[in-house]
């Protein structure tokens, strides 16, 4: 399993970076890469993770991304349907939101401010 997967975590998602522009992407249940973490497939258990990792690592997908790995997410039942994917690590929260240095750039530029 990947270096960023939390030991003992039940739920995981798969992420990578696009080769052409470095954008953070997530493997979707429909077997494609999406930039929106809300579209990431949430996998319940090691067997489901292993099966989707094999699919994501196939030559069809691996030639478009780099640095593919799994990361732990919170149980989707704990959240509403509008925000079903909640990473457990600070690293993945930052990767999902975009750069932390300028709020006017990246994904966070479109996010509502509190």
PDB file of N, CA and C in Angstrom:
ATOM      1  N   UNK A   1       0.840  -1.175   0.000  1.00  0.00           N
ATOM      2  CA  UNK A   1       0.000   0.000   0.000  1.00  0.00           C
ATOM      3  C   UNK A   1       0.887   1.242   0.000  1.00  0.00           C
ATOM      4  N   UNK A   2       0.341   2.343  -0.377  1.00  0.00           N
ATOM      5  CA  UNK A   2       1.101   3.576  -0.555  1.00  0.00           C
ATOM      6  C   UNK A   2       1.615   4.157   0.749  1.00  0.00           C
ATOM      7  N   UNK A   3       2.622   5.022   0.610  1.00  0.00           N
ATOM      8  CA  UNK A   3       3.256   5.592   1.794  1.00  0.00           C
ATOM      9  C   UNK A   3       2.353   6.537   2.568  1.00  0.00           C
ATOM     10  N   UNK A   4       1.319   7.073   1.945  1.00  0.00           N
ATOM     11  CA  UNK A   4       0.462   8.037   2.615  1.00  0.00           C
ATOM     12  C   UNK A   4      -0.809   7.415   3.190  1.00  0.00           C
ATOM     13  N   UNK A   5      -0.961   6.131   3.026  1.00  0.00           N
ATOM     14  CA  UNK A   5      -2.138   5.461   3.563  1.00  0.00           C
ATOM     15  C   UNK A   5      -1.974   5.287   5.070  1.00  0.00           C
ATOM     16  N   UNK A   6      -2.991   5.670   5.812  1.00  0.00           N
ATOM     17  CA  UNK A   6      -2.956   5.557   7.255  1.00  0.00           C
ATOM     18  C   UNK A   6      -3.165   4.101   7.647  1.00  0.00           C
ATOM     19  N   UNK A   7      -2.250   3.575   8.460  1.00  0.00           N
ATOM     20  CA  UNK A   7      -2.383   2.192   8.892  1.00  0.00           C
ATOM     21  C   UNK A   7      -3.667   2.027   9.686  1.00  0.00           C
ATOM     22  N   UNK A   8      -4.410   1.011   9.341  1.00  0.00           N
ATOM     23  CA  UNK A   8      -5.643   0.726  10.046  1.00  0.00           C
ATOM     24  C   UNK A   8      -6.839   1.517   9.557  1.00  0.00           C
ATOM     25  N   UNK A   9      -6.638   2.461   8.634  1.00  0.00           N
ATOM     26  CA  UNK A   9      -7.766   3.226   8.107  1.00  0.00           C
ATOM     27  C   UNK A   9      -8.631   2.317   7.243  1.00  0.00           C
ATOM     28  N   UNK A  10      -9.924   2.481   7.341  1.00  0.00           N
ATOM     29  CA  UNK A  10     -10.851   1.638   6.591  1.00  0.00           C
ATOM     30  C   UNK A  10     -11.147   2.193   5.202  1.00  0.00           C
ATOM     31  N   UNK A  11     -11.269   3.512   5.101  1.00  0.00           N
ATOM     32  CA  UNK A  11     -11.646   4.146   3.845  1.00  0.00           C
ATOM     33  C   UNK A  11     -10.460   4.856   3.207  1.00  0.00           C
ATOM     34  N   UNK A  12     -10.335   4.715   1.883  1.00  0.00           N
ATOM     35  CA  UNK A  12      -9.242   5.331   1.143  1.00  0.00           C
ATOM     36  C   UNK A  12      -9.737   5.888  -0.181  1.00  0.00           C
ATOM     37  N   UNK A  13      -8.940   6.786  -0.754  1.00  0.00           N
ATOM     38  CA  UNK A  13      -9.132   7.273  -2.116  1.00  0.00           C
ATOM     39  C   UNK A  13      -7.765   7.219  -2.787  1.00  0.00           C
ATOM     40  N   UNK A  14      -7.742   7.361  -4.097  1.00  0.00           N
ATOM     41  CA  UNK A  14      -6.497   7.288  -4.862  1.00  0.00           C
ATOM     42  C   UNK A  14      -6.257   8.629  -5.530  1.00  0.00           C
ATOM     43  N   UNK A  15      -5.020   9.108  -5.437  1.00  0.00           N
ATOM     44  CA  UNK A  15      -4.653  10.390  -6.027  1.00  0.00           C
ATOM     45  C   UNK A  15      -3.368  10.252  -6.831  1.00  0.00           C
ATOM     46  N   UNK A  16      -3.112  11.274  -7.651  1.00  0.00           N
ATOM     47  CA  UNK A  16      -1.892  11.343  -8.457  1.00  0.00           C
ATOM     48  C   UNK A  16      -1.769  12.782  -8.951  1.00  0.00           C
ATOM     49  N   UNK A  17      -0.765  13.022  -9.790  1.00  0.00           N
ATOM     50  CA  UNK A  17      -0.605  14.308 -10.456  1.00  0.00           C
ATOM     51  C   UNK A  17      -0.580  14.074 -11.959  1.00  0.00           C
ATOM     52  N   UNK A  18      -1.231  14.951 -12.707  1.00  0.00           N
ATOM     53  CA  UNK A  18      -1.220  14.841 -14.165  1.00  0.00           C
ATOM     54  C   UNK A  18       0.201  15.078 -14.678  1.00  0.00           C
ATOM     55  N   UNK A  19       0.604  14.305 -15.661  1.00  0.00           N
ATOM     56  CA  UNK A  19       1.932  14.460 -16.252  1.00  0.00           C
ATOM     57  C   UNK A  19       2.065  15.767 -17.022  1.00  0.00           C
ATOM     58  N   UNK A  20       1.016  16.203 -17.700  1.00  0.00           N
ATOM     59  CA  UNK A  20       1.138  17.371 -18.572  1.00  0.00           C
ATOM     60  C   UNK A  20       1.164  18.708 -17.838  1.00  0.00           C
ATOM     61  N   UNK A  21       0.499  18.807 -16.657  1.00  0.00           N
ATOM     62  CA  UNK A  21       0.463  20.103 -15.974  1.00  0.00           C
ATOM     63  C   UNK A  21       0.668  20.033 -14.458  1.00  0.00           C
ATOM     64  N   UNK A  22       0.841  18.832 -13.907  1.00  0.00           N
ATOM     65  CA  UNK A  22       1.090  18.675 -12.479  1.00  0.00           C
ATOM     66  C   UNK A  22      -0.121  18.796 -11.584  1.00  0.00           C
ATOM     67  N   UNK A  23      -1.313  18.986 -12.162  1.00  0.00           N
ATOM     68  CA  UNK A  23      -2.524  19.158 -11.375  1.00  0.00           C
ATOM     69  C   UNK A  23      -2.822  17.899 -10.548  1.00  0.00           C
ATOM     70  N   UNK A  24      -3.297  18.120  -9.319  1.00  0.00           N
ATOM     71  CA  UNK A  24      -3.704  17.020  -8.449  1.00  0.00           C
ATOM     72  C   UNK A  24      -5.004  16.446  -8.995  1.00  0.00           C
ATOM     73  N   UNK A  25      -5.046  15.117  -9.129  1.00  0.00           N
ATOM     74  CA  UNK A  25      -6.244  14.443  -9.629  1.00  0.00           C
ATOM     75  C   UNK A  25      -6.574  13.255  -8.739  1.00  0.00           C
ATOM     76  N   UNK A  26      -7.832  12.818  -8.827  1.00  0.00           N
ATOM     77  CA  UNK A  26      -8.341  11.711  -8.002  1.00  0.00           C
ATOM     78  C   UNK A  26      -8.995  10.685  -8.917  1.00  0.00           C
ATOM     79  N   UNK A  27      -8.806   9.397  -8.571  1.00  0.00           N
ATOM     80  CA  UNK A  27      -9.396   8.340  -9.385  1.00  0.00           C
ATOM     81  C   UNK A  27     -10.873   8.215  -9.049  1.00  0.00           C
ATOM     82  N   UNK A  28     -11.695   8.318 -10.063  1.00  0.00           N
ATOM     83  CA  UNK A  28     -13.146   8.318  -9.946  1.00  0.00           C
ATOM     84  C   UNK A  28     -13.684   6.895 -10.064  1.00  0.00           C
ATOM     85  N   UNK A  29     -14.836   6.647  -9.511  1.00  0.00           N
ATOM     86  CA  UNK A  29     -15.457   5.326  -9.590  1.00  0.00           C
ATOM     87  C   UNK A  29     -15.734   4.909 -11.032  1.00  0.00           C
ATOM     88  N   UNK A  30     -15.884   5.873 -11.934  1.00  0.00           N
ATOM     89  CA  UNK A  30     -16.117   5.576 -13.344  1.00  0.00           C
ATOM     90  C   UNK A  30     -14.818   5.298 -14.095  1.00  0.00           C
ATOM     91  N   UNK A  31     -13.734   5.115 -13.345  1.00  0.00           N
ATOM     92  CA  UNK A  31     -12.428   4.732 -13.892  1.00  0.00           C
ATOM     93  C   UNK A  31     -11.805   5.817 -14.778  1.00  0.00           C
ATOM     94  N   UNK A  32     -11.774   7.045 -14.248  1.00  0.00           N
ATOM     95  CA  UNK A  32     -11.057   8.123 -14.907  1.00  0.00           C
ATOM     96  C   UNK A  32     -10.527   9.076 -13.844  1.00  0.00           C
ATOM     97  N   UNK A  33      -9.666   9.984 -14.240  1.00  0.00           N
ATOM     98  CA  UNK A  33      -9.054  10.943 -13.317  1.00  0.00           C
ATOM     99  C   UNK A  33      -9.850  12.236 -13.333  1.00  0.00           C
ATOM    100  N   UNK A  34     -10.175  12.766 -12.142  1.00  0.00           N
ATOM    101  CA  UNK A  34     -10.917  14.010 -11.982  1.00  0.00           C
ATOM    102  C   UNK A  34     -10.133  14.946 -11.065  1.00  0.00           C
ATOM    103  N   UNK A  35     -10.225  16.242 -11.297  1.00  0.00           N
ATOM    104  CA  UNK A  35      -9.522  17.190 -10.435  1.00  0.00           C
ATOM    105  C   UNK A  35     -10.296  17.525  -9.165  1.00  0.00           C
ATOM    106  N   UNK A  36     -11.573  17.211  -9.135  1.00  0.00           N
ATOM    107  CA  UNK A  36     -12.430  17.509  -7.983  1.00  0.00           C
ATOM    108  C   UNK A  36     -12.416  16.335  -7.001  1.00  0.00           C
ATOM    109  N   UNK A  37     -11.965  16.583  -5.775  1.00  0.00           N
ATOM    110  CA  UNK A  37     -11.899  15.512  -4.780  1.00  0.00           C
ATOM    111  C   UNK A  37     -13.285  14.942  -4.461  1.00  0.00           C
ATOM    112  N   UNK A  38     -14.329  15.731  -4.633  1.00  0.00           N
ATOM    113  CA  UNK A  38     -15.682  15.241  -4.368  1.00  0.00           C
ATOM    114  C   UNK A  38     -16.071  14.099  -5.307  1.00  0.00           C
ATOM    115  N   UNK A  39     -15.382  13.968  -6.428  1.00  0.00           N
ATOM    116  CA  UNK A  39     -15.668  12.906  -7.387  1.00  0.00           C
ATOM    117  C   UNK A  39     -14.798  11.669  -7.163  1.00  0.00           C
ATOM    118  N   UNK A  40     -13.921  11.710  -6.183  1.00  0.00           N
ATOM    119  CA  UNK A  40     -13.033  10.570  -5.933  1.00  0.00           C
ATOM    120  C   UNK A  40     -13.820   9.360  -5.453  1.00  0.00           C
ATOM    121  N   UNK A  41     -13.390   8.190  -5.904  1.00  0.00           N
ATOM    122  CA  UNK A  41     -14.001   6.944  -5.433  1.00  0.00           C
ATOM    123  C   UNK A  41     -13.510   6.693  -4.012  1.00  0.00           C
ATOM    124  N   UNK A  42     -14.435   6.483  -3.078  1.00  0.00           N
ATOM    125  CA  UNK A  42     -14.084   6.148  -1.699  1.00  0.00           C
ATOM    126  C   UNK A  42     -14.177   4.635  -1.571  1.00  0.00           C
ATOM    127  N   UNK A  43     -13.068   4.032  -1.186  1.00  0.00           N
ATOM    128  CA  UNK A  43     -12.958   2.580  -1.146  1.00  0.00           C
ATOM    129  C   UNK A  43     -13.041   2.081   0.280  1.00  0.00           C
ATOM    130  N   UNK A  44     -13.879   1.103   0.486  1.00  0.00           N
ATOM    131  CA  UNK A  44     -14.110   0.537   1.813  1.00  0.00           C
ATOM    132  C   UNK A  44     -13.328  -0.764   1.939  1.00  0.00           C
ATOM    133  N   UNK A  45     -12.214  -0.704   2.648  1.00  0.00           N
ATOM    134  CA  UNK A  45     -11.424  -1.902   2.916  1.00  0.00           C
ATOM    135  C   UNK A  45     -10.267  -2.109   1.962  1.00  0.00           C
ATOM    136  N   UNK A  46      -9.335  -2.953   2.402  1.00  0.00           N
ATOM    137  CA  UNK A  46      -8.102  -3.204   1.661  1.00  0.00           C
ATOM    138  C   UNK A  46      -8.348  -3.908   0.333  1.00  0.00           C
ATOM    139  N   UNK A  47      -9.300  -4.814   0.288  1.00  0.00           N
ATOM    140  CA  UNK A  47      -9.563  -5.544  -0.951  1.00  0.00           C
ATOM    141  C   UNK A  47     -10.071  -4.610  -2.055  1.00  0.00           C
ATOM    142  N   UNK A  48     -10.990  -3.724  -1.702  1.00  0.00           N
ATOM    143  CA  UNK A  48     -11.508  -2.765  -2.681  1.00  0.00           C
ATOM    144  C   UNK A  48     -10.404  -1.814  -3.134  1.00  0.00           C
ATOM    145  N   UNK A  49      -9.563  -1.381  -2.203  1.00  0.00           N
ATOM    146  CA  UNK A  49      -8.448  -0.501  -2.536  1.00  0.00           C
ATOM    147  C   UNK A  49      -7.484  -1.200  -3.479  1.00  0.00           C
ATOM    148  N   UNK A  50      -7.103  -2.421  -3.158  1.00  0.00           N
ATOM    149  CA  UNK A  50      -6.170  -3.159  -4.005  1.00  0.00           C
ATOM    150  C   UNK A  50      -6.708  -3.326  -5.421  1.00  0.00           C
ATOM    151  N   UNK A  51      -7.992  -3.647  -5.549  1.00  0.00           N
ATOM    152  CA  UNK A  51      -8.586  -3.849  -6.868  1.00  0.00           C
ATOM    153  C   UNK A  51      -8.566  -2.563  -7.693  1.00  0.00           C
ATOM    154  N   UNK A  52      -8.919  -1.426  -7.073  1.00  0.00           N
ATOM    155  CA  UNK A  52      -8.926  -0.175  -7.825  1.00  0.00           C
ATOM    156  C   UNK A  52      -7.513   0.331  -8.090  1.00  0.00           C
ATOM    157  N   UNK A  53      -6.582   0.058  -7.200  1.00  0.00           N
ATOM    158  CA  UNK A  53      -5.181   0.441  -7.443  1.00  0.00           C
ATOM    159  C   UNK A  53      -4.640  -0.288  -8.668  1.00  0.00           C
ATOM    160  N   UNK A  54      -4.967  -1.554  -8.798  1.00  0.00           N
ATOM    161  CA  UNK A  54      -4.530  -2.317  -9.972  1.00  0.00           C
ATOM    162  C   UNK A  54      -5.094  -1.682 -11.236  1.00  0.00           C
ATOM    163  N   UNK A  55      -6.356  -1.294 -11.194  1.00  0.00           N
ATOM    164  CA  UNK A  55      -6.982  -0.633 -12.339  1.00  0.00           C
ATOM    165  C   UNK A  55      -6.305   0.705 -12.626  1.00  0.00           C
ATOM    166  N   UNK A  56      -6.071   1.509 -11.595  1.00  0.00           N
ATOM    167  CA  UNK A  56      -5.462   2.829 -11.768  1.00  0.00           C
ATOM    168  C   UNK A  56      -4.022   2.725 -12.261  1.00  0.00           C
ATOM    169  N   UNK A  57      -3.332   1.661 -11.893  1.00  0.00           N
ATOM    170  CA  UNK A  57      -1.945   1.467 -12.319  1.00  0.00           C
ATOM    171  C   UNK A  57      -1.833   0.857 -13.714  1.00  0.00           C
ATOM    172  N   UNK A  58      -2.953   0.483 -14.305  1.00  0.00           N
ATOM    173  CA  UNK A  58      -2.907  -0.119 -15.634  1.00  0.00           C
ATOM    174  C   UNK A  58      -2.330   0.887 -16.634  1.00  0.00           C
ATOM    175  N   UNK A  59      -1.792   0.384 -17.700  1.00  0.00           N
ATOM    176  CA  UNK A  59      -1.138   1.251 -18.684  1.00  0.00           C
ATOM    177  C   UNK A  59      -2.092   2.290 -19.267  1.00  0.00           C
ATOM    178  N   UNK A  60      -3.360   1.983 -19.299  1.00  0.00           N
ATOM    179  CA  UNK A  60      -4.348   2.919 -19.826  1.00  0.00           C
ATOM    180  C   UNK A  60      -4.373   4.227 -19.037  1.00  0.00           C
ATOM    181  N   UNK A  61      -4.190   4.131 -17.721  1.00  0.00           N
ATOM    182  CA  UNK A  61      -4.254   5.321 -16.870  1.00  0.00           C
ATOM    183  C   UNK A  61      -2.884   5.821 -16.433  1.00  0.00           C
ATOM    184  N   UNK A  62      -1.934   4.923 -16.255  1.00  0.00           N
ATOM    185  CA  UNK A  62      -0.646   5.318 -15.679  1.00  0.00           C
ATOM    186  C   UNK A  62       0.188   6.172 -16.621  1.00  0.00           C
ATOM    187  N   UNK A  63      -0.141   6.208 -17.898  1.00  0.00           N
ATOM    188  CA  UNK A  63       0.620   7.028 -18.836  1.00  0.00           C
ATOM    189  C   UNK A  63       0.199   8.492 -18.817  1.00  0.00           C
ATOM    190  N   UNK A  64      -0.823   8.833 -18.044  1.00  0.00           N
ATOM    191  CA  UNK A  64      -1.283  10.222 -17.967  1.00  0.00           C
ATOM    192  C   UNK A  64      -1.006  10.855 -16.609  1.00  0.00           C
ATOM    193  N   UNK A  65      -0.592  10.041 -15.618  1.00  0.00           N
ATOM    194  CA  UNK A  65      -0.351  10.555 -14.272  1.00  0.00           C
ATOM    195  C   UNK A  65       0.977  10.041 -13.720  1.00  0.00           C
ATOM    196  N   UNK A  66       1.408  10.688 -12.644  1.00  0.00           N
ATOM    197  CA  UNK A  66       2.634  10.300 -11.955  1.00  0.00           C
ATOM    198  C   UNK A  66       2.390  10.373 -10.455  1.00  0.00           C
ATOM    199  N   UNK A  67       3.177   9.647  -9.674  1.00  0.00           N
ATOM    200  CA  UNK A  67       3.121   9.668  -8.213  1.00  0.00           C
ATOM    201  C   UNK A  67       1.752   9.230  -7.677  1.00  0.00           C
ATOM    202  N   UNK A  68       1.254   8.143  -8.206  1.00  0.00           N
ATOM    203  CA  UNK A  68      -0.045   7.611  -7.802  1.00  0.00           C
ATOM    204  C   UNK A  68       0.063   6.935  -6.438  1.00  0.00           C
ATOM    205  N   UNK A  69      -0.870   7.228  -5.525  1.00  0.00           N
ATOM    206  CA  UNK A  69      -0.907   6.575  -4.216  1.00  0.00           C
ATOM    207  C   UNK A  69      -2.281   6.690  -3.586  1.00  0.00           C
ATOM    208  N   UNK A  70      -2.523   5.879  -2.575  1.00  0.00           N
ATOM    209  CA  UNK A  70      -3.776   5.906  -1.818  1.00  0.00           C
ATOM    210  C   UNK A  70      -3.589   6.765  -0.575  1.00  0.00           C
ATOM    211  N   UNK A  71      -4.686   7.367  -0.116  1.00  0.00           N
ATOM    212  CA  UNK A  71      -4.657   8.130   1.128  1.00  0.00           C
ATOM    213  C   UNK A  71      -5.945   7.872   1.900  1.00  0.00           C
ATOM    214  N   UNK A  72      -5.858   8.008   3.202  1.00  0.00           N
ATOM    215  CA  UNK A  72      -6.992   7.717   4.082  1.00  0.00           C
ATOM    216  C   UNK A  72      -7.993   8.861   4.065  1.00  0.00           C
ATOM    217  N   UNK A  73      -9.277   8.488   4.048  1.00  0.00           N
ATOM    218  CA  UNK A  73     -10.367   9.462   4.123  1.00  0.00           C
ATOM    219  C   UNK A  73     -11.318   9.040   5.231  1.00  0.00           C
ATOM    220  N   UNK A  74     -12.092  10.000   5.715  1.00  0.00           N
ATOM    221  CA  UNK A  74     -13.077   9.735   6.759  1.00  0.00           C
ATOM    222  C   UNK A  74     -14.244   8.941   6.181  1.00  0.00           C
ATOM    223  N   UNK A  75     -14.973   8.273   7.034  1.00  0.00           N
ATOM    224  CA  UNK A  75     -16.154   7.506   6.640  1.00  0.00           C
ATOM    225  C   UNK A  75     -17.145   8.449   5.960  1.00  0.00           C
ATOM    226  N   UNK A  76     -17.533   8.178   4.704  1.00  0.00           N
ATOM    227  CA  UNK A  76     -18.456   9.070   4.001  1.00  0.00           C
ATOM    228  C   UNK A  76     -19.811   9.213   4.698  1.00  0.00           C
ATOM    229  N   UNK A  77     -20.205   8.246   5.505  1.00  0.00           N
ATOM    230  CA  UNK A  77     -21.478   8.321   6.219  1.00  0.00           C
ATOM    231  C   UNK A  77     -21.475   9.444   7.257  1.00  0.00           C
ATOM    232  N   UNK A  78     -20.307   9.938   7.623  1.00  0.00           N
ATOM    233  CA  UNK A  78     -20.202  11.019   8.599  1.00  0.00           C
ATOM    234  C   UNK A  78     -20.447  12.399   7.987  1.00  0.00           C
ATOM    235  N   UNK A  79     -20.633  12.469   6.654  1.00  0.00           N
ATOM    236  CA  UNK A  79     -20.729  13.764   5.970  1.00  0.00           C
ATOM    237  C   UNK A  79     -21.898  13.771   5.000  1.00  0.00           C
ATOM    238  N   UNK A  80     -22.341  14.981   4.640  1.00  0.00           N
ATOM    239  CA  UNK A  80     -23.444  15.087   3.691  1.00  0.00           C
ATOM    240  C   UNK A  80     -22.973  14.771   2.268  1.00  0.00           C
ATOM    241  N   UNK A  81     -23.924  14.608   1.384  1.00  0.00           N
ATOM    242  CA  UNK A  81     -23.619  14.205   0.007  1.00  0.00           C
ATOM    243  C   UNK A  81     -22.877  15.281  -0.777  1.00  0.00           C
ATOM    244  N   UNK A  82     -22.931  16.546  -0.337  1.00  0.00           N
ATOM    245  CA  UNK A  82     -22.238  17.621  -1.050  1.00  0.00           C
ATOM    246  C   UNK A  82     -20.738  17.611  -0.816  1.00  0.00           C
ATOM    247  N   UNK A  83     -20.286  17.006   0.263  1.00  0.00           N
ATOM    248  CA  UNK A  83     -18.860  16.945   0.571  1.00  0.00           C
ATOM    249  C   UNK A  83     -18.520  15.551   1.092  1.00  0.00           C
ATOM    250  N   UNK A  84     -18.618  14.536   0.234  1.00  0.00           N
ATOM    251  CA  UNK A  84     -18.481  13.162   0.707  1.00  0.00           C
ATOM    252  C   UNK A  84     -17.064  12.714   1.023  1.00  0.00           C
ATOM    253  N   UNK A  85     -16.042  13.426   0.523  1.00  0.00           N
ATOM    254  CA  UNK A  85     -14.663  12.982   0.706  1.00  0.00           C
ATOM    255  C   UNK A  85     -13.915  13.948   1.616  1.00  0.00           C
ATOM    256  N   UNK A  86     -13.496  13.441   2.776  1.00  0.00           N
ATOM    257  CA  UNK A  86     -12.750  14.239   3.741  1.00  0.00           C
ATOM    258  C   UNK A  86     -11.431  13.537   4.046  1.00  0.00           C
ATOM    259  N   UNK A  87     -10.310  14.051   3.493  1.00  0.00           N
ATOM    260  CA  UNK A  87      -9.015  13.438   3.796  1.00  0.00           C
ATOM    261  C   UNK A  87      -8.704  13.525   5.287  1.00  0.00           C
ATOM    262  N   UNK A  88      -7.982  12.533   5.797  1.00  0.00           N
ATOM    263  CA  UNK A  88      -7.609  12.526   7.207  1.00  0.00           C
ATOM    264  C   UNK A  88      -6.286  13.222   7.466  1.00  0.00           C
ATOM    265  N   UNK A  89      -5.458  13.403   6.446  1.00  0.00           N
ATOM    266  CA  UNK A  89      -4.149  14.030   6.662  1.00  0.00           C
ATOM    267  C   UNK A  89      -4.157  15.488   6.199  1.00  0.00           C
ATOM    268  N   UNK A  90      -3.360  16.302   6.856  1.00  0.00           N
ATOM    269  CA  UNK A  90      -3.235  17.710   6.489  1.00  0.00           C
ATOM    270  C   UNK A  90      -2.682  17.820   5.066  1.00  0.00           C
ATOM    271  N   UNK A  91      -1.753  16.960   4.724  1.00  0.00           N
ATOM    272  CA  UNK A  91      -1.172  16.969   3.379  1.00  0.00           C
ATOM    273  C   UNK A  91      -2.261  16.881   2.310  1.00  0.00           C
ATOM    274  N   UNK A  92      -3.186  15.945   2.471  1.00  0.00           N
ATOM    275  CA  UNK A  92      -4.220  15.742   1.461  1.00  0.00           C
ATOM    276  C   UNK A  92      -5.271  16.845   1.490  1.00  0.00           C
ATOM    277  N   UNK A  93      -5.528  17.429   2.643  1.00  0.00           N
ATOM    278  CA  UNK A  93      -6.437  18.576   2.721  1.00  0.00           C
ATOM    279  C   UNK A  93      -5.861  19.737   1.918  1.00  0.00           C
ATOM    280  N   UNK A  94      -4.554  19.978   2.065  1.00  0.00           N
ATOM    281  CA  UNK A  94      -3.882  21.050   1.327  1.00  0.00           C
ATOM    282  C   UNK A  94      -3.866  20.744  -0.167  1.00  0.00           C
ATOM    283  N   UNK A  95      -3.553  19.506  -0.537  1.00  0.00           N
ATOM    284  CA  UNK A  95      -3.515  19.142  -1.962  1.00  0.00           C
ATOM    285  C   UNK A  95      -4.883  19.330  -2.603  1.00  0.00           C
ATOM    286  N   UNK A  96      -5.952  19.026  -1.866  1.00  0.00           N
ATOM    287  CA  UNK A  96      -7.310  19.170  -2.405  1.00  0.00           C
ATOM    288  C   UNK A  96      -7.700  20.641  -2.573  1.00  0.00           C
ATOM    289  N   UNK A  97      -7.222  21.500  -1.684  1.00  0.00           N
ATOM    290  CA  UNK A  97      -7.604  22.913  -1.701  1.00  0.00           C
ATOM    291  C   UNK A  97      -6.748  23.740  -2.653  1.00  0.00           C
ATOM    292  N   UNK A  98      -5.500  23.376  -2.817  1.00  0.00           N
ATOM    293  CA  UNK A  98      -4.603  24.138  -3.670  1.00  0.00           C
ATOM    294  C   UNK A  98      -3.528  24.826  -2.855  1.00  0.00           C
ATOM    295  N   UNK A  99      -2.715  25.658  -3.496  1.00  0.00           N
ATOM    296  CA  UNK A  99      -1.592  26.310  -2.817  1.00  0.00           C
ATOM    297  C   UNK A  99      -2.032  27.107  -1.594  1.00  0.00           C
ATOM    298  N   UNK A 100      -1.192  27.142  -0.585  1.00  0.00           N
ATOM    299  CA  UNK A 100      -1.547  27.837   0.653  1.00  0.00           C
ATOM    300  C   UNK A 100      -0.997  29.255   0.717  1.00  0.00           C
ATOM    301  N   UNK A 101      -0.203  29.651  -0.239  1.00  0.00           N
ATOM    302  CA  UNK A 101       0.452  30.949  -0.139  1.00  0.00           C
ATOM    303  C   UNK A 101      -0.395  32.097  -0.700  1.00  0.00           C
ATOM    304  N   UNK A 102      -1.200  31.840  -1.732  1.00  0.00           N
ATOM    305  CA  UNK A 102      -2.028  32.891  -2.323  1.00  0.00           C
ATOM    306  C   UNK A 102      -3.444  32.393  -2.483  1.00  0.00           C
ATOM    307  N   UNK A 103      -4.371  33.025  -1.808  1.00  0.00           N
ATOM    308  CA  UNK A 103      -5.763  32.606  -1.843  1.00  0.00           C
ATOM    309  C   UNK A 103      -6.478  33.013  -3.129  1.00  0.00           C
ATOM    310  N   UNK A 104      -5.838  33.852  -3.949  1.00  0.00           N
ATOM    311  CA  UNK A 104      -6.463  34.282  -5.197  1.00  0.00           C
ATOM    312  C   UNK A 104      -6.103  33.376  -6.369  1.00  0.00           C
ATOM    313  N   UNK A 105      -5.338  32.309  -6.120  1.00  0.00           N
ATOM    314  CA  UNK A 105      -4.940  31.380  -7.166  1.00  0.00           C
ATOM    315  C   UNK A 105      -5.384  29.965  -6.832  1.00  0.00           C
ATOM    316  N   UNK A 106      -5.476  29.133  -7.828  1.00  0.00           N
ATOM    317  CA  UNK A 106      -5.783  27.717  -7.605  1.00  0.00           C
ATOM    318  C   UNK A 106      -7.236  27.472  -7.252  1.00  0.00           C
ATOM    319  N   UNK A 107      -7.503  26.289  -6.740  1.00  0.00           N
ATOM    320  CA  UNK A 107      -8.857  25.859  -6.419  1.00  0.00           C
ATOM    321  C   UNK A 107      -9.496  26.726  -5.344  1.00  0.00           C
ATOM    322  N   UNK A 108      -8.690  27.226  -4.411  1.00  0.00           N
ATOM    323  CA  UNK A 108      -9.237  28.016  -3.317  1.00  0.00           C
ATOM    324  C   UNK A 108      -9.746  29.375  -3.765  1.00  0.00           C
ATOM    325  N   UNK A 109      -9.372  29.836  -4.965  1.00  0.00           N
ATOM    326  CA  UNK A 109      -9.862  31.118  -5.471  1.00  0.00           C
ATOM    327  C   UNK A 109     -11.365  31.075  -5.702  1.00  0.00           C
ATOM    328  N   UNK A 110     -11.898  29.892  -6.011  1.00  0.00           N
ATOM    329  CA  UNK A 110     -13.328  29.746  -6.252  1.00  0.00           C
ATOM    330  C   UNK A 110     -14.113  29.370  -5.006  1.00  0.00           C
ATOM    331  N   UNK A 111     -13.418  29.042  -3.921  1.00  0.00           N
ATOM    332  CA  UNK A 111     -14.082  28.604  -2.699  1.00  0.00           C
ATOM    333  C   UNK A 111     -14.674  29.788  -1.951  1.00  0.00           C
ATOM    334  N   UNK A 112     -15.842  29.605  -1.324  1.00  0.00           N
ATOM    335  CA  UNK A 112     -16.431  30.685  -0.533  1.00  0.00           C
ATOM    336  C   UNK A 112     -15.569  30.995   0.694  1.00  0.00           C
ATOM    337  N   UNK A 113     -15.453  32.240   1.031  1.00  0.00           N
ATOM    338  CA  UNK A 113     -14.658  32.665   2.178  1.00  0.00           C
ATOM    339  C   UNK A 113     -15.549  32.759   3.406  1.00  0.00           C
ATOM    340  N   UNK A 114     -14.987  32.409   4.552  1.00  0.00           N
ATOM    341  CA  UNK A 114     -15.740  32.483   5.816  1.00  0.00           C
ATOM    342  C   UNK A 114     -15.670  33.863   6.408  1.00  0.00           C
TER     343      UNK A 114
END
